[in-house]
């Protein structure tokens, strides 16, 4: 991948990376995300860095994935979606106590949307046995309620394991 030198080039590269991902050519897309992150890691709330973290996670390089998710949160600490994505990664990595601490720290932060928390909820409920909450029990789909319920389910699970 050639160097990216402008926002316009980054926009074109982003479209190409998404296209490559849909074609199953994730290694090529990764090179584009890397070039975008070199150009401006803060672009689109650190999206290129997050896509790199996802790539590492998919390949089992959890140390690099973890670093990538943490960098995303540092690039834009107020961007709620990055925090919930990292909490989901922690849950999938079976790092439940860290996920719980992160969920506790972000509860009642303004701005979450249903989309921000759905992946987090799904990660918990696919990893934690007998997680009792059903996403549809949170009608209306209130993101704060989902975060709180997910944190509570995780807390119960941690208590049971102690």
Protein backbone atom coordinates (compact mmCIF):
# COMPACT_ATOMS: atom_id res chain seq x y z
CA UNK A 1 0.00 0.00 0.00
CA UNK A 2 1.30 3.37 -0.94
CA UNK A 3 1.45 6.22 1.49
CA UNK A 4 -1.71 8.26 2.09
CA UNK A 5 -1.13 12.01 1.93
CA UNK A 6 -4.54 13.65 2.15
CA UNK A 7 -8.03 13.28 3.56
CA UNK A 8 -9.31 12.66 0.04
CA UNK A 9 -6.85 9.79 -0.44
CA UNK A 10 -7.83 8.43 2.99
CA UNK A 11 -11.53 8.48 2.01
CA UNK A 12 -10.81 6.55 -1.19
CA UNK A 13 -8.58 4.11 0.70
CA UNK A 14 -11.28 3.54 3.32
CA UNK A 15 -13.85 2.65 0.66
CA UNK A 16 -11.34 0.26 -0.91
CA UNK A 17 -10.56 -1.38 2.44
CA UNK A 18 -14.25 -1.99 3.13
CA UNK A 19 -14.65 -3.46 -0.36
CA UNK A 20 -11.69 -5.78 0.18
CA UNK A 21 -13.13 -6.92 3.51
CA UNK A 22 -16.46 -7.82 1.89
CA UNK A 23 -14.50 -9.80 -0.72
CA UNK A 24 -12.73 -11.73 2.05
CA UNK A 25 -9.38 -10.09 1.32
CA UNK A 26 -8.71 -8.97 4.87
CA UNK A 27 -4.91 -9.01 4.60
CA UNK A 28 -5.03 -6.48 1.78
CA UNK A 29 -7.57 -4.40 3.70
CA UNK A 30 -5.28 -4.52 6.74
CA UNK A 31 -2.47 -2.89 4.74
CA UNK A 32 -4.81 -0.04 3.83
CA UNK A 33 -5.95 0.41 7.45
CA UNK A 34 -2.29 0.50 8.47
CA UNK A 35 -1.51 3.19 5.87
CA UNK A 36 -4.51 5.21 7.06
CA UNK A 37 -3.39 4.92 10.69
CA UNK A 38 0.08 6.14 9.70
CA UNK A 39 -1.46 9.12 7.91
CA UNK A 40 -3.70 10.12 10.82
CA UNK A 41 -4.47 7.69 13.65
CA UNK A 42 -7.28 9.93 14.90
CA UNK A 43 -9.15 9.88 11.60
CA UNK A 44 -12.80 8.86 12.09
CA UNK A 45 -12.40 8.34 15.83
CA UNK A 46 -9.42 6.04 15.36
CA UNK A 47 -11.30 3.74 13.00
CA UNK A 48 -8.21 2.52 11.12
CA UNK A 49 -6.50 1.64 14.40
CA UNK A 50 -9.61 -0.21 15.52
CA UNK A 51 -9.80 -2.13 12.24
CA UNK A 52 -6.16 -3.13 12.78
CA UNK A 53 -7.05 -4.31 16.30
CA UNK A 54 -9.92 -6.38 14.88
CA UNK A 55 -7.52 -7.90 12.34
CA UNK A 56 -5.08 -8.89 15.07
CA UNK A 57 -7.92 -10.29 17.17
CA UNK A 58 -9.19 -12.38 14.25
CA UNK A 59 -5.70 -13.82 13.83
CA UNK A 60 -5.29 -14.62 17.53
CA UNK A 61 -2.68 -11.94 18.25
CA UNK A 62 -4.49 -10.80 21.37
CA UNK A 63 -1.63 -8.67 22.73
CA UNK A 64 -1.60 -6.48 19.61
CA UNK A 65 -5.39 -6.46 19.49
CA UNK A 66 -5.53 -5.34 23.12
CA UNK A 67 -3.04 -2.57 22.46
CA UNK A 68 -5.00 -1.45 19.40
CA UNK A 69 -8.29 -1.25 21.31
CA UNK A 70 -6.64 0.69 24.15
CA UNK A 71 -5.06 3.11 21.68
CA UNK A 72 -8.51 3.69 20.15
CA UNK A 73 -9.88 4.68 23.53
CA UNK A 74 -6.94 7.02 24.10
CA UNK A 75 -7.36 8.65 20.68
CA UNK A 76 -10.95 9.58 21.44
CA UNK A 77 -11.70 8.92 25.11
CA UNK A 78 -15.23 10.30 24.93
CA UNK A 79 -16.28 8.07 22.04
CA UNK A 80 -18.52 5.57 23.76
CA UNK A 81 -18.41 2.93 21.03
CA UNK A 82 -14.66 2.42 21.48
CA UNK A 83 -15.17 1.68 25.18
CA UNK A 84 -17.94 -0.84 24.56
CA UNK A 85 -15.94 -2.49 21.77
CA UNK A 86 -12.98 -2.87 24.13
CA UNK A 87 -15.23 -4.27 26.86
CA UNK A 88 -16.53 -6.80 24.33
CA UNK A 89 -12.96 -7.77 23.44
CA UNK A 90 -12.15 -8.22 27.13
CA UNK A 91 -15.20 -10.45 27.60
CA UNK A 92 -14.33 -12.54 24.55
CA UNK A 93 -10.78 -12.83 25.93
CA UNK A 94 -12.29 -14.08 29.22
CA UNK A 95 -10.86 -11.08 31.05
CA UNK A 96 -14.11 -10.61 32.92
CA UNK A 97 -12.83 -8.52 35.84
CA UNK A 98 -11.29 -5.96 33.49
CA UNK A 99 -14.49 -5.86 31.44
CA UNK A 100 -16.51 -5.38 34.60
CA UNK A 101 -14.28 -2.49 35.74
CA UNK A 102 -14.58 -0.84 32.32
CA UNK A 103 -18.36 -1.28 32.27
CA UNK A 104 -18.59 0.17 35.76
CA UNK A 105 -16.55 3.20 34.66
CA UNK A 106 -18.72 3.92 31.63
CA UNK A 107 -22.15 3.34 33.13
CA UNK A 108 -24.33 6.44 32.88
CA UNK A 109 -21.98 8.18 30.45
CA UNK A 110 -24.18 10.09 28.07
CA UNK A 111 -24.29 9.20 24.44
CA UNK A 112 -24.50 5.44 24.00
CA UNK A 113 -26.78 4.13 21.31
CA UNK A 114 -28.30 0.71 20.92
CA UNK A 115 -25.74 -0.10 18.21
CA UNK A 116 -22.90 0.80 20.59
CA UNK A 117 -23.91 -1.84 23.10
CA UNK A 118 -25.37 -4.67 21.02
CA UNK A 119 -21.97 -6.23 20.24
CA UNK A 120 -20.95 -5.92 23.88
CA UNK A 121 -24.16 -7.61 25.01
CA UNK A 122 -23.74 -10.39 22.44
CA UNK A 123 -20.13 -10.96 23.49
CA UNK A 124 -21.09 -11.39 27.12
CA UNK A 125 -24.01 -13.66 26.45
CA UNK A 126 -22.05 -15.90 24.11
CA UNK A 127 -19.14 -16.23 26.56
CA UNK A 128 -20.76 -16.36 29.99
CA UNK A 129 -22.81 -19.47 30.69
CA UNK A 130 -26.34 -18.96 31.93
CA UNK A 131 -26.31 -15.19 31.45
CA UNK A 132 -29.96 -14.57 32.25
CA UNK A 133 -30.75 -11.36 30.42
CA UNK A 134 -32.42 -11.41 27.04
CA UNK A 135 -31.69 -8.37 24.89
CA UNK A 136 -35.37 -8.01 24.10
CA UNK A 137 -36.19 -7.76 27.82
CA UNK A 138 -34.64 -4.29 27.63
CA UNK A 139 -37.57 -2.83 25.72
CA UNK A 140 -37.53 -0.09 24.88
CA UNK A 141 -33.98 -0.81 23.80
CA UNK A 142 -32.32 1.51 26.28
CA UNK A 143 -28.51 1.47 25.92
CA UNK A 144 -27.92 2.50 29.54
CA UNK A 145 -30.16 -0.33 30.74
CA UNK A 146 -28.33 -2.83 28.51
CA UNK A 147 -24.92 -1.68 29.81
CA UNK A 148 -26.15 -1.87 33.41
CA UNK A 149 -27.73 -5.30 32.90
CA UNK A 150 -24.62 -6.62 31.14
CA UNK A 151 -22.45 -5.36 34.00
CA UNK A 152 -24.80 -6.96 36.54
CA UNK A 153 -24.75 -10.30 34.68
CA UNK A 154 -20.97 -10.17 34.58
CA UNK A 155 -20.85 -9.31 38.28
CA UNK A 156 -23.06 -12.33 39.12
CA UNK A 157 -20.87 -14.57 37.00
CA UNK A 158 -17.71 -13.33 38.74
CA UNK A 159 -19.31 -13.86 42.16
CA UNK A 160 -20.26 -17.43 41.23
CA UNK A 161 -16.69 -18.19 40.15
CA UNK A 162 -15.14 -16.90 43.38
